Amino acid sequence: MDIKEIQNLIKFVAKSGASEVKLETGDVKITIRTGALGTTPETTYVQQFPMQQAAPVTSAAPVAPANPAASVEAAQKDEDSKYITVKSPIIGTFYRRPSPDKSNFVEVGDIINQGDVLCVIEAMKLFNDIESEISGKIVKVLVDDSSPVEFDQPLFLVDPS
């Protein structure tokens, strides 16, 4: 592992918000800690699971909100509950297009089929195609291009009908 790869790893860890990362490859052991000394570090365990079809998001029975902003948010959640949420299977950096000079994989309103590539997530210099496990119509893109994403973070809303 060369110094450039280590620097990129440090930048990636800083962007992800993790407080500590340990990496062991062969005879190289790296521990990266972020945050101020004296603070209690938060332990984060990351595991990659095979992607499964996401179940529709269900919401609890609506309660009369105390302020109008909460009622707008509750109405938005009720509206979104009929859609399927496509979530990130890994942590990394979200990209909507295969390269800077190409167009986006999908746009709002596009019809997608099972197996279509929706986006790319870069993790440790590896670019992972994120394929759709459902067919439907893209209703909303929930993440900005080139921004970090966490495991199980919602990426897209898809109307399966």
Foldseek 3Di string as FASTA:
>chain_A
DDPVLVVVVQVFCVQVPAQWDWDDDDPDIDIHGDDDPPDDGDDDDDDFDDDDFADQDDDDDDDDDPDPVVVVVVVVCVVLRQWGFDFARAKAWKAQDPDPVDDGQDDQFDWDAFFRFRTWGDDSNDTHTDTHRATFGWHDADDDHGHIDHHGHTGTTGNRD
